[in-house]
Protein backbone atom coordinates (compact mmCIF):
# COMPACT_ATOMS: atom_id res chain seq x y z
CA MET A 1 0.00 0.00 0.00
CA ILE A 2 1.30 3.45 -0.92
CA VAL A 3 -0.05 6.62 0.65
CA THR A 4 -2.83 8.20 -1.39
CA VAL A 5 -4.55 11.59 -1.23
CA THR A 6 -8.16 11.98 -2.36
CA VAL A 7 -9.80 15.40 -2.60
CA HIS A 8 -13.59 15.86 -2.66
CA GLY A 9 -15.73 18.87 -3.46
CA GLU A 10 -15.83 20.55 -6.86
CA GLY A 11 -14.32 23.85 -5.77
CA LEU A 12 -11.59 22.25 -3.71
CA VAL A 13 -10.70 19.83 -6.51
CA LYS A 14 -10.28 22.71 -8.97
CA GLN A 15 -8.18 24.76 -6.58
CA GLN A 16 -5.94 21.83 -5.76
CA ALA A 17 -5.50 21.01 -9.44
CA ALA A 18 -4.48 24.59 -10.21
CA ALA A 19 -1.98 24.65 -7.36
CA LEU A 20 -0.62 21.27 -8.40
CA GLU A 21 -0.12 22.47 -11.96
CA ALA A 22 1.77 25.54 -10.72
CA LEU A 23 4.01 23.42 -8.49
CA GLN A 24 4.76 21.05 -11.33
CA HIS A 25 5.41 23.93 -13.73
CA ASP A 26 8.02 25.24 -11.28
CA SER A 27 9.61 21.75 -11.05
CA VAL A 28 9.06 21.70 -7.29
CA PRO A 29 9.34 17.89 -6.87
CA ALA A 30 12.73 17.72 -8.59
CA ARG A 31 14.00 20.88 -6.91
CA LEU A 32 12.88 19.78 -3.47
CA VAL A 33 14.60 16.39 -3.57
CA ALA A 34 17.67 18.25 -4.85
CA HIS A 35 17.58 20.37 -1.66
CA ASP A 36 16.93 23.60 -3.55
CA ALA A 37 16.83 26.20 -0.76
CA THR A 38 15.50 28.90 -3.09
CA LEU A 39 12.01 27.36 -3.21
CA TRP A 40 10.68 29.60 -0.43
CA GLY A 41 12.18 32.91 -1.53
CA PRO A 42 15.31 34.85 -0.64
CA ASP A 43 14.30 35.62 2.96
CA ALA A 44 14.02 31.90 3.72
CA GLU A 45 17.01 30.72 1.74
CA HIS A 46 19.56 30.64 4.56
CA GLU A 47 17.26 28.77 6.95
CA ALA A 48 16.09 26.34 4.27
CA SER A 49 19.69 25.57 3.29
CA ILE A 50 20.27 24.03 6.73
CA ARG A 51 16.84 22.45 7.25
CA LEU A 52 16.31 19.97 4.40
CA GLY A 53 17.99 16.95 5.96
CA TRP A 54 14.59 15.35 6.61
CA LEU A 55 14.46 14.46 2.92
CA ASP A 56 17.32 12.00 3.53
CA ALA A 57 16.31 10.93 7.03
CA VAL A 58 15.21 7.44 6.06
CA ASP A 59 18.54 6.51 4.50
CA VAL A 60 20.53 8.16 7.29
CA SER A 61 18.50 6.57 10.07
CA TRP A 62 19.07 3.00 8.94
CA LYS A 63 22.60 3.39 10.32
CA LEU A 64 21.17 3.86 13.81
CA VAL A 65 19.27 0.58 13.87
CA PRO A 66 22.04 -1.88 14.90
CA ASP A 67 23.18 0.27 17.84
CA LEU A 68 19.62 0.89 18.98
CA LEU A 69 18.65 -2.76 18.91
CA ALA A 70 21.86 -3.73 20.70
CA LEU A 71 21.20 -1.16 23.44
CA ARG A 72 17.60 -2.29 23.81
CA ASP A 73 18.68 -5.92 24.16
CA ALA A 74 21.37 -5.04 26.67
CA LEU A 75 18.88 -3.08 28.78
CA ARG A 76 16.34 -5.88 28.65
CA ALA A 77 19.02 -8.36 29.76
CA GLU A 78 19.51 -6.16 32.83
CA GLY A 79 15.77 -6.15 33.55
CA ILE A 80 15.32 -2.57 32.31
CA ASP A 81 12.20 -2.46 30.15
CA HIS A 82 10.45 0.79 31.10
CA VAL A 83 11.32 3.88 29.07
CA VAL A 84 10.68 7.47 30.18
CA LEU A 85 11.11 10.16 27.53
CA CYS A 86 11.92 13.68 28.72
CA GLY A 87 11.30 15.92 25.73
CA MET A 88 9.14 18.71 24.36
CA GLY A 89 7.50 19.35 21.00
CA GLY A 90 9.20 17.54 18.16
CA SER A 91 11.29 15.56 20.62
CA SER A 92 8.23 13.90 22.15
CA LEU A 93 5.26 13.97 19.77
CA ALA A 94 6.72 11.62 17.14
CA PRO A 95 7.87 8.94 19.63
CA GLU A 96 4.48 9.16 21.32
CA VAL A 97 2.57 8.42 18.10
CA ILE A 98 5.08 5.75 16.99
CA CYS A 99 4.77 3.88 20.29
CA LYS A 100 0.98 4.22 20.41
CA ASN A 101 0.74 2.66 16.98
CA ALA A 102 3.18 -0.09 17.90
CA GLY A 103 1.22 -0.87 21.06
CA VAL A 104 4.24 -0.45 23.34
CA GLU A 105 4.51 1.52 26.55
CA LEU A 106 6.38 4.81 26.61
CA THR A 107 6.07 7.31 29.43
CA VAL A 108 6.27 10.76 27.86
CA LEU A 109 7.16 13.54 30.28
CA ASP A 110 6.47 16.76 28.42
CA SER A 111 5.15 18.84 31.30
CA THR A 112 6.47 20.96 34.14
CA HIS A 113 3.41 20.45 36.30
CA PRO A 114 4.75 19.09 39.61
CA ASP A 115 2.07 16.40 39.88
CA GLN A 116 2.80 15.05 36.39
CA VAL A 117 6.56 15.07 37.03
CA ARG A 118 6.01 13.40 40.39
CA GLY A 119 3.89 10.74 38.71
CA ALA A 120 6.65 9.92 36.22
CA LEU A 121 9.21 9.71 39.02
CA ALA A 122 6.96 7.26 40.89
CA CYS A 123 7.62 4.49 38.36
CA ASP A 124 9.74 1.45 39.22
CA LEU A 125 13.12 3.11 38.78
CA ARG A 126 14.92 -0.22 39.02
CA LYS A 127 13.41 -1.14 35.66
CA THR A 128 13.66 2.32 34.08
CA VAL A 129 15.87 4.00 31.48
CA VAL A 130 15.44 7.71 30.78
CA VAL A 131 15.83 9.22 27.32
CA VAL A 132 16.69 12.92 27.51
CA SER A 133 15.87 14.45 24.15
CA SER A 134 16.60 18.04 23.13
CA LYS A 135 17.75 19.38 19.79
CA SER A 136 19.23 22.55 21.25
CA GLY A 137 20.50 20.76 24.31
CA GLY A 138 19.30 23.63 26.46
CA THR A 139 15.53 23.09 26.74
CA LEU A 140 14.62 24.27 30.22
CA GLU A 141 11.81 21.77 30.79
CA THR A 142 13.90 18.81 29.66
CA ASP A 143 16.94 19.80 31.70
CA SER A 144 14.76 20.16 34.80
CA GLN A 145 13.31 16.70 34.28
CA ARG A 146 16.79 15.24 33.73
CA ARG A 147 17.95 16.70 37.04
CA SER A 148 14.99 15.15 38.83
CA PHE A 149 15.66 11.66 37.49
CA VAL A 150 19.38 11.88 38.25
CA ALA A 151 18.49 12.74 41.85
CA ALA A 152 15.86 9.99 42.06
CA PHE A 153 18.21 7.29 40.77
CA THR A 154 20.95 8.46 43.12
CA ALA A 155 18.58 8.41 46.11
CA ILE A 156 17.94 4.66 45.73
CA GLY A 157 21.54 3.71 45.05
CA ILE A 158 21.41 3.43 41.26
CA ASP A 159 24.19 5.02 39.22
CA PRO A 160 22.20 7.49 37.08
CA ARG A 161 24.86 7.50 34.38
CA GLN A 162 23.89 3.95 33.46
CA ARG A 163 20.22 4.89 33.09
CA MET A 164 20.51 8.04 30.99
CA VAL A 165 20.38 8.04 27.18
CA VAL A 166 20.72 11.35 25.34
CA VAL A 167 19.46 12.44 21.92
CA THR A 168 20.68 15.84 20.76
CA ASP A 169 22.45 17.74 18.01
CA PRO A 170 26.23 17.58 17.67
CA GLY A 171 28.04 20.13 19.81
CA SER A 172 25.06 20.98 22.01
CA PRO A 173 25.46 21.64 25.76
CA LEU A 174 23.59 18.39 26.40
CA GLU A 175 26.09 16.38 24.36
CA LYS A 176 28.96 17.88 26.34
CA LEU A 177 27.24 17.19 29.66
CA ALA A 178 26.41 13.61 28.69
CA ARG A 179 29.96 12.88 27.58
CA ASP A 180 31.51 14.57 30.61
CA GLU A 181 29.22 12.68 32.97
CA GLY A 182 29.63 9.38 31.14
CA TYR A 183 25.98 8.73 30.31
CA ARG A 184 25.15 5.31 28.96
CA ALA A 185 24.59 6.35 25.36
CA VAL A 186 24.56 9.50 23.26
CA PHE A 187 22.82 9.56 19.88
CA LEU A 188 23.52 12.57 17.69
CA ALA A 189 20.85 13.70 15.24
CA ASP A 190 21.29 15.42 11.89
CA PRO A 191 21.60 19.16 12.68
CA ASN A 192 20.07 19.91 9.27
CA VAL A 193 16.66 18.68 10.42
CA GLY A 194 14.32 20.91 12.43
CA GLY A 195 12.61 19.47 15.47
CA ARG A 196 9.14 19.12 13.99
CA TYR A 197 10.56 17.39 10.90
CA SER A 198 12.54 14.90 12.99
CA ALA A 199 10.08 12.01 13.29
CA LEU A 200 12.22 9.66 11.20
CA THR A 201 15.52 10.73 12.79
CA ALA A 202 17.15 9.80 16.09
CA PHE A 203 14.62 11.97 17.93
CA GLY A 204 11.76 9.77 16.82
CA LEU A 205 13.57 6.46 16.68
CA VAL A 206 15.72 6.22 19.83
CA PRO A 207 12.95 6.27 22.47
CA SER A 208 10.64 4.27 20.22
CA ALA A 209 13.20 1.52 19.65
CA LEU A 210 14.10 1.26 23.33
CA ALA A 211 10.40 1.03 24.19
CA GLY A 212 10.04 -1.92 21.79
CA ALA A 213 8.56 -0.39 18.64
CA ASP A 214 9.52 -2.01 15.33
CA ILE A 215 11.56 0.84 13.88
CA GLU A 216 12.76 -1.31 10.98
CA LEU A 217 9.14 -1.68 9.85
CA LEU A 218 8.62 2.06 10.25
CA LEU A 219 11.66 2.86 8.12
CA ASP A 220 10.59 0.29 5.53
CA GLN A 221 7.22 2.00 5.31
CA ALA A 222 8.78 5.42 4.90
CA SER A 223 11.27 4.08 2.34
CA SER A 224 8.45 2.87 0.13
CA PHE A 225 7.22 6.44 -0.18
CA ALA A 226 10.62 8.16 -0.21
CA THR A 227 11.40 6.56 -3.58
CA LEU A 228 8.36 8.35 -5.06
CA LEU A 229 9.28 11.89 -3.97
CA PRO A 230 10.87 12.87 -7.32
CA GLU A 231 7.62 12.04 -9.13
CA GLU A 232 5.48 15.00 -10.24
CA ASP A 233 2.26 13.56 -8.83
CA ASN A 234 3.51 12.13 -5.54
CA ALA A 235 1.05 12.13 -2.65
CA GLY A 236 3.03 14.66 -0.63
CA LEU A 237 2.77 17.18 -3.45
CA GLN A 238 -0.95 16.49 -3.83
CA LEU A 239 -1.53 17.01 -0.12
CA GLY A 240 0.62 20.15 -0.08
CA ALA A 241 -1.39 21.57 -2.97
CA ALA A 242 -4.64 20.84 -1.14
CA LEU A 243 -3.39 22.43 2.09
CA GLY A 244 -2.00 25.59 0.58
CA ALA A 245 -4.35 26.35 -2.27
CA ASP A 246 -7.98 26.48 -1.28
CA GLY A 247 -8.05 29.55 0.96
CA ARG A 248 -9.42 27.62 3.92
CA ASP A 249 -7.03 28.51 6.71
CA LYS A 250 -8.32 26.11 9.38
CA ILE A 251 -7.69 22.38 9.07
CA ALA A 252 -9.88 19.96 11.02
CA ILE A 253 -7.71 16.86 11.36
CA ASP A 254 -9.80 13.78 12.10
CA ALA A 255 -7.43 10.93 12.90
CA GLU A 256 -9.04 9.44 16.00
CA ALA A 257 -11.17 6.92 14.12
CA SER A 258 -8.16 5.79 12.08
CA PRO A 259 -5.69 3.02 12.92
CA LEU A 260 -3.11 5.74 13.69
CA PRO A 261 -3.97 6.92 17.23
CA GLY A 262 -2.30 10.15 18.26
CA PHE A 263 -1.36 11.13 14.71
CA GLY A 264 -3.37 14.34 14.90
CA ASP A 265 -1.27 15.69 17.76
CA TRP A 266 1.94 15.16 15.79
CA ALA A 267 0.48 16.72 12.62
CA GLU A 268 -0.81 19.65 14.68
CA GLN A 269 2.70 20.71 15.68
CA LEU A 270 4.07 20.22 12.18
CA VAL A 271 1.39 22.39 10.56
CA ALA A 272 1.03 25.10 13.23
CA GLU A 273 4.70 25.72 13.91
CA SER A 274 5.63 25.57 10.23
CA THR A 275 2.96 27.84 8.79
CA GLY A 276 1.81 30.24 11.54
CA LYS A 277 3.91 33.35 10.92
CA LEU A 278 3.93 36.74 9.20
CA GLY A 279 0.22 37.06 9.99
CA LYS A 280 -0.53 34.01 7.84
CA GLY A 281 -0.88 30.31 8.48
CA LEU A 282 -2.94 27.17 8.65
CA LEU A 283 -4.57 26.50 12.01
CA PRO A 284 -4.71 22.75 12.71
CA VAL A 285 -7.63 21.66 14.86
CA VAL A 286 -7.38 18.09 16.17
CA VAL A 287 -10.96 16.85 16.32
CA GLU A 288 -13.10 13.86 17.20
CA PRO A 289 -14.93 11.89 14.45
CA ASP A 290 -18.28 13.51 15.30
CA ALA A 291 -16.84 16.97 15.96
CA PRO A 292 -18.87 20.03 14.93
CA GLU A 293 -16.02 21.12 12.66
CA VAL A 294 -16.44 17.84 10.74
CA LEU A 295 -20.22 17.49 10.77
CA ARG A 296 -20.89 21.14 9.89
CA PRO A 297 -17.66 22.62 8.56
CA ALA A 298 -17.59 26.36 8.00
CA ASP A 299 -16.44 27.69 4.65
CA ASP A 300 -12.98 28.43 6.07
CA VAL A 301 -12.47 24.91 7.47
CA HIS A 302 -10.76 22.17 5.47
CA VAL A 303 -11.68 18.70 6.80
CA ILE A 304 -8.90 16.13 6.52
CA ARG A 305 -9.46 12.53 7.49
CA ILE A 306 -6.63 10.08 8.11
CA ASN A 307 -7.42 6.58 6.82
CA GLY A 308 -11.14 7.20 7.15
CA GLN A 309 -14.27 7.73 5.13
CA ALA A 310 -13.74 10.67 2.79
CA PRO A 311 -15.63 13.84 3.76
CA PRO A 312 -18.12 15.31 1.22
CA VAL A 313 -15.86 18.35 0.91
CA GLY A 314 -12.30 17.87 2.06
CA THR A 315 -9.40 15.49 1.82
CA ASN A 316 -8.70 11.91 2.81
CA VAL A 317 -5.11 10.71 3.32
CA ASP A 318 -4.61 6.93 3.37
CA GLY A 319 -1.37 5.23 4.27
CA ASN A 320 0.61 3.53 7.01
CA LEU A 321 2.45 5.47 9.69
CA GLY A 322 5.89 5.67 8.07
CA GLN A 323 4.42 6.90 4.79
CA GLN A 324 2.13 9.41 6.50
CA LEU A 325 4.97 10.94 8.52
CA LEU A 326 7.09 11.60 5.45
CA ALA A 327 4.14 12.64 3.26
CA TRP A 328 2.98 15.26 5.76
CA GLU A 329 6.50 16.66 6.21
CA TYR A 330 6.77 17.01 2.44
CA ALA A 331 3.26 18.47 2.13
CA VAL A 332 3.78 21.13 4.78
CA ALA A 333 7.04 22.21 3.17
CA VAL A 334 5.19 22.52 -0.16
CA SER A 335 2.30 24.41 1.41
CA GLY A 336 4.82 26.91 2.77
CA ARG A 337 5.78 27.80 -0.78
CA LEU A 338 2.15 28.35 -1.72
CA LEU A 339 1.50 30.44 1.39
CA GLY A 340 4.60 32.56 0.89
CA ILE A 341 6.22 31.73 4.24
CA ASN A 342 9.34 29.99 5.47
CA PRO A 343 8.16 26.61 6.79
CA PHE A 344 11.39 25.92 8.68
CA ASP A 345 11.65 28.77 11.20
CA GLN A 346 9.63 29.48 14.34
CA PRO A 347 10.24 33.16 15.14
CA ASP A 348 7.55 33.52 17.79
CA VAL A 349 8.19 30.38 19.87
CA GLU A 350 11.10 32.04 21.66
CA SER A 351 9.03 35.03 22.79
CA ALA A 352 7.05 33.05 25.37
CA LYS A 353 10.23 31.34 26.57
CA GLN A 354 11.92 34.68 27.10
CA ALA A 355 8.91 36.07 28.94
CA ALA A 356 8.83 33.03 31.23
CA ARG A 357 12.56 33.31 31.93
CA GLY A 358 12.12 37.00 32.73
CA LEU A 359 9.39 36.18 35.25
CA LEU A 360 11.55 33.48 36.83
CA ASP A 361 14.42 35.93 37.23
CA ALA A 362 12.35 38.89 38.41
CA GLN A 363 9.83 37.00 40.60
CA PRO A 364 7.20 39.79 40.37
CA GLU A 365 4.49 40.36 42.94
CA PRO A 366 1.45 38.10 42.42
CA GLU A 367 -1.14 39.53 40.06
CA THR A 368 -4.46 40.58 41.56
CA PRO A 369 -7.48 38.77 40.08
CA ALA A 370 -10.32 40.73 38.57
CA PHE A 371 -12.59 38.75 40.87
CA THR A 372 -12.98 35.37 42.55
CA ASP A 373 -16.01 33.17 41.99
CA GLY A 374 -16.08 30.27 44.43
CA ASN A 375 -12.98 28.16 43.83
CA VAL A 376 -11.92 30.04 40.71
CA GLU A 377 -9.89 33.21 40.33
CA VAL A 378 -10.50 35.18 37.14
CA TYR A 379 -7.91 37.25 35.28
CA ALA A 380 -8.39 38.97 31.93
CA THR A 381 -6.87 41.40 29.48
CA GLU A 382 -8.01 44.98 29.82
CA GLY A 383 -11.54 45.69 28.65
CA LEU A 384 -12.56 42.06 28.17
CA LEU A 385 -14.77 41.52 31.21
CA SER A 386 -16.88 44.72 31.13
CA GLY A 387 -18.17 44.35 34.68
CA GLN A 388 -18.60 40.57 34.72
CA VAL A 389 -18.34 39.03 38.22
CA THR A 390 -18.93 35.31 37.55
CA VAL A 391 -16.98 32.63 35.73
CA GLN A 392 -19.97 32.07 33.48
CA GLY A 393 -20.11 35.75 32.56
CA ALA A 394 -16.36 35.96 31.99
CA VAL A 395 -16.43 32.95 29.66
CA ALA A 396 -19.37 34.43 27.76
CA ALA A 397 -17.39 37.66 27.32
CA LEU A 398 -14.41 35.78 25.89
CA LEU A 399 -16.57 33.75 23.51
CA SER A 400 -18.12 36.98 22.26
CA ALA A 401 -14.62 38.21 21.46
CA VAL A 402 -13.99 35.41 18.93
CA PRO A 403 -13.95 37.10 15.48
CA GLU A 404 -16.39 36.07 12.76
CA LYS A 405 -13.71 34.02 10.98
CA GLY A 406 -11.70 33.36 14.11
CA TYR A 407 -11.06 30.58 16.57
CA LEU A 408 -10.89 29.87 20.29
CA ALA A 409 -7.79 28.33 21.88
CA VAL A 410 -8.12 26.51 25.21
CA MET A 411 -4.77 26.18 26.98
CA ALA A 412 -4.66 24.05 30.14
CA TYR A 413 -1.60 24.31 32.38
CA LEU A 414 -2.60 21.28 34.43
CA ASP A 415 -1.68 17.60 34.76
CA ARG A 416 -2.79 16.18 31.41
CA LEU A 417 -3.04 12.65 32.80
CA ARG A 418 -4.97 13.38 35.99
CA ASP A 419 -7.09 16.15 34.48
CA ALA A 420 -7.70 14.51 31.08
CA LYS A 421 -11.49 15.00 31.39
CA LEU A 422 -10.97 18.70 30.72
CA ALA A 423 -10.39 17.91 27.03
CA ALA A 424 -14.15 17.33 26.72
CA VAL A 425 -14.65 21.09 26.68
CA ARG A 426 -13.23 21.31 23.14
CA PRO A 427 -16.20 19.89 21.20
CA ALA A 428 -18.66 21.43 23.65
CA LEU A 429 -17.29 24.91 23.04
CA ALA A 430 -17.10 24.33 19.28
CA ARG A 431 -20.81 23.49 19.25
CA ARG A 432 -21.55 26.55 21.36
CA ILE A 433 -19.75 29.15 19.25
CA GLU A 434 -19.88 27.35 15.87
CA ARG A 435 -16.22 28.17 15.30
CA PRO A 436 -13.09 26.00 15.45
CA VAL A 437 -11.73 25.36 18.95
CA THR A 438 -8.23 24.09 19.70
CA PHE A 439 -7.17 22.44 22.94
CA GLY A 440 -3.61 22.25 24.21
CA TRP A 441 -1.86 21.15 27.38
CA GLY A 442 0.68 23.64 28.67
CA PRO A 443 3.56 23.97 28.39
CA ARG A 444 3.80 21.42 25.59
CA PHE A 445 1.57 23.39 23.19
CA LEU A 446 4.04 26.30 23.42
CA HIS A 447 6.29 24.21 21.16
CA SER A 448 3.40 23.64 18.75
CA THR A 449 0.33 25.84 18.28
CA GLY A 450 2.01 28.49 20.42
CA GLN A 451 3.85 29.68 17.30
CA TYR A 452 0.57 30.08 15.39
CA HIS A 453 -1.09 31.94 18.29
CA LYS A 454 1.51 34.68 18.12
CA GLY A 455 2.72 34.60 14.51
CA GLY A 456 -0.47 33.69 12.68
CA PRO A 457 -3.39 35.96 11.81
CA PRO A 458 -4.80 37.92 14.79
CA ILE A 459 -8.15 36.14 14.81
CA GLY A 460 -7.99 34.15 18.04
CA ALA A 461 -9.35 34.40 21.56
CA TYR A 462 -7.49 32.58 24.32
CA LEU A 463 -8.67 30.75 27.42
CA GLN A 464 -5.97 29.79 29.92
CA ILE A 465 -6.79 27.33 32.70
CA THR A 466 -4.25 27.19 35.49
CA GLY A 467 -4.32 25.83 39.02
CA ASN A 468 -2.78 26.52 42.39
CA VAL A 469 -0.12 23.92 43.15
CA ILE A 470 -1.08 22.08 46.32
CA SER A 471 2.14 20.09 46.62
CA ASP A 472 5.11 21.62 44.84
CA LEU A 473 8.24 19.81 43.73
CA ALA A 474 11.77 21.16 43.88
CA ILE A 475 14.07 21.08 40.86
CA PRO A 476 17.52 19.90 41.96
CA ASP A 477 20.14 22.65 41.93
CA ARG A 478 17.67 25.26 40.69
CA ASP A 479 16.43 28.28 42.63
CA PHE A 480 12.88 27.75 41.39
CA SER A 481 10.45 24.84 41.65
CA TYR A 482 8.26 23.09 39.09
CA GLY A 483 5.25 24.98 40.43
CA THR A 484 7.06 28.28 39.95
CA LEU A 485 8.19 27.25 36.48
CA ILE A 486 4.78 26.26 35.10
CA ALA A 487 3.21 29.40 36.60
CA ALA A 488 5.88 31.53 34.87
CA GLN A 489 5.31 29.72 31.57
CA ALA A 490 1.56 30.40 31.70
CA ALA A 491 2.08 34.02 32.74
CA GLY A 492 4.76 34.56 30.11
CA ASP A 493 2.61 33.19 27.33
CA GLY A 494 -0.37 35.23 28.48
CA LYS A 495 1.74 38.39 28.57
CA VAL A 496 3.04 37.91 25.03
CA LEU A 497 -0.50 37.33 23.74
CA ALA A 498 -1.81 40.37 25.62
CA ASP A 499 1.05 42.53 24.33
CA LYS A 500 -0.04 41.57 20.80
CA GLY A 501 -3.59 42.72 21.56
CA ARG A 502 -5.11 39.24 21.79
CA PRO A 503 -8.04 38.74 24.21
CA VAL A 504 -6.94 36.43 27.04
CA LEU A 505 -9.02 35.05 29.91
CA ARG A 506 -7.34 33.04 32.68
CA LEU A 507 -9.28 30.87 35.08
CA ASN A 508 -7.12 29.83 38.02
CA LEU A 509 -8.37 26.86 40.03
CA LEU A 510 -7.87 27.40 43.75
CA THR A 511 -8.77 23.80 44.63
CA SER A 512 -9.66 20.58 42.82
CA ARG A 513 -13.31 21.58 43.09
CA GLY A 514 -12.53 24.49 40.83
CA LEU A 515 -12.04 22.11 37.91
CA ASP A 516 -15.56 20.75 38.26
CA ALA A 517 -16.93 24.28 38.44
CA VAL A 518 -15.11 25.27 35.25
CA LEU A 519 -16.25 22.09 33.50
CA ARG A 520 -19.86 22.92 34.29
CA VAL A 521 -19.49 26.34 32.71
CA LEU A 522 -17.57 25.21 29.63
CA THR A 523 -19.64 22.14 28.79
């Protein structure tokens, strides 16, 4: 089976065909496989020249397989069969979807919430290996998690150096630390591959292989499609033409009914972080099979199903996991050309990081809430509330601020495992406002849709849900805790959005009962 793309709807079919013809006329397939960095214009040329390694990732990654399998077997022989992945964004989303589809267990720690970190540390450490994954080698969240596991191993008499595996770029601070400390293994990724395009590189493969996924099968699948990339009608080009040509700037990705669980979350980061900039972009909305955005799509919503029944108007993409990963990477790069943006940079991701770091350094006085309603404190950007004094009224005010062609983003800085029921607000709110609604767990979405929120078109309204930390957790050798860190990340992101004139409402849960109160209002 080779990945196929099927477009439905007369208008969409015509627009895709026209875009496809233009791409073929410009020899995009041949130029892309030749690593032509001029495809996205002169402003993007430098970045593109060092970000096209993903086109060769399949061939390069085969060289990793023997060492990965040998390490996995050695760990298993020592009774070590539980893998924890400390990583954010592109370092975690691909391994998560690979392992879900392989049916193997992988604990993904992509949060700074103290309860979620504490839960990961509560595993049977005697059977655990930790993969620390960071392209830059300086990711604050990942370094904090690494410190916690080093301390936890040490506390029970296990040499942490024998339980730490690192994935990073050559020459990064993390590589130096790992080599100086003598960590068990260090896998270096291709520096010419950006994080969100790294699914088929060491970032996707190392934790997946150690967890027991069949990475040889995955690479075989991707290889079967990679050989078709020079062809003028390859599925990646067809999908890219559909994404970038029809003028619908919201993409409802329905993958939950497919045999590829979790694929939507990976595609969300790829699309949002690649295209949301310069006031343009495609907003990915990960939806359920019966979501309002699918059943009654607005004229600015493009429905895309993964291995499912084709929508009346929209696109269906069929294929196995390895093919889909490569096809979507190719398609998003192509859509960037059609949209007139550089699909390989992420200029606005750093702004929230810098704001959070500034708050950690400055430790400002606590902000005063606009009001408190029961177990919920309410904060809002200036002029949003207009005299409201209840959570219900504040939410209604925010929903009224969603533009006619806009969207609502729900951003939950909570424990995504313990508080998973909160995700049910997404379809409920979409039905209520009849506009697309995204849902993201903080801080992981900052490495994904966070770029679109700040760099994309100013058509969003933003609902933050935070919570008072009841039991904080120290970060070894840091002068701030996990509770302080996640609060600074939420506040930093909210500040950047507010500074850009976006409407932001924050509901802070004072106790666990606050979550139930917010759920009643939002659903």
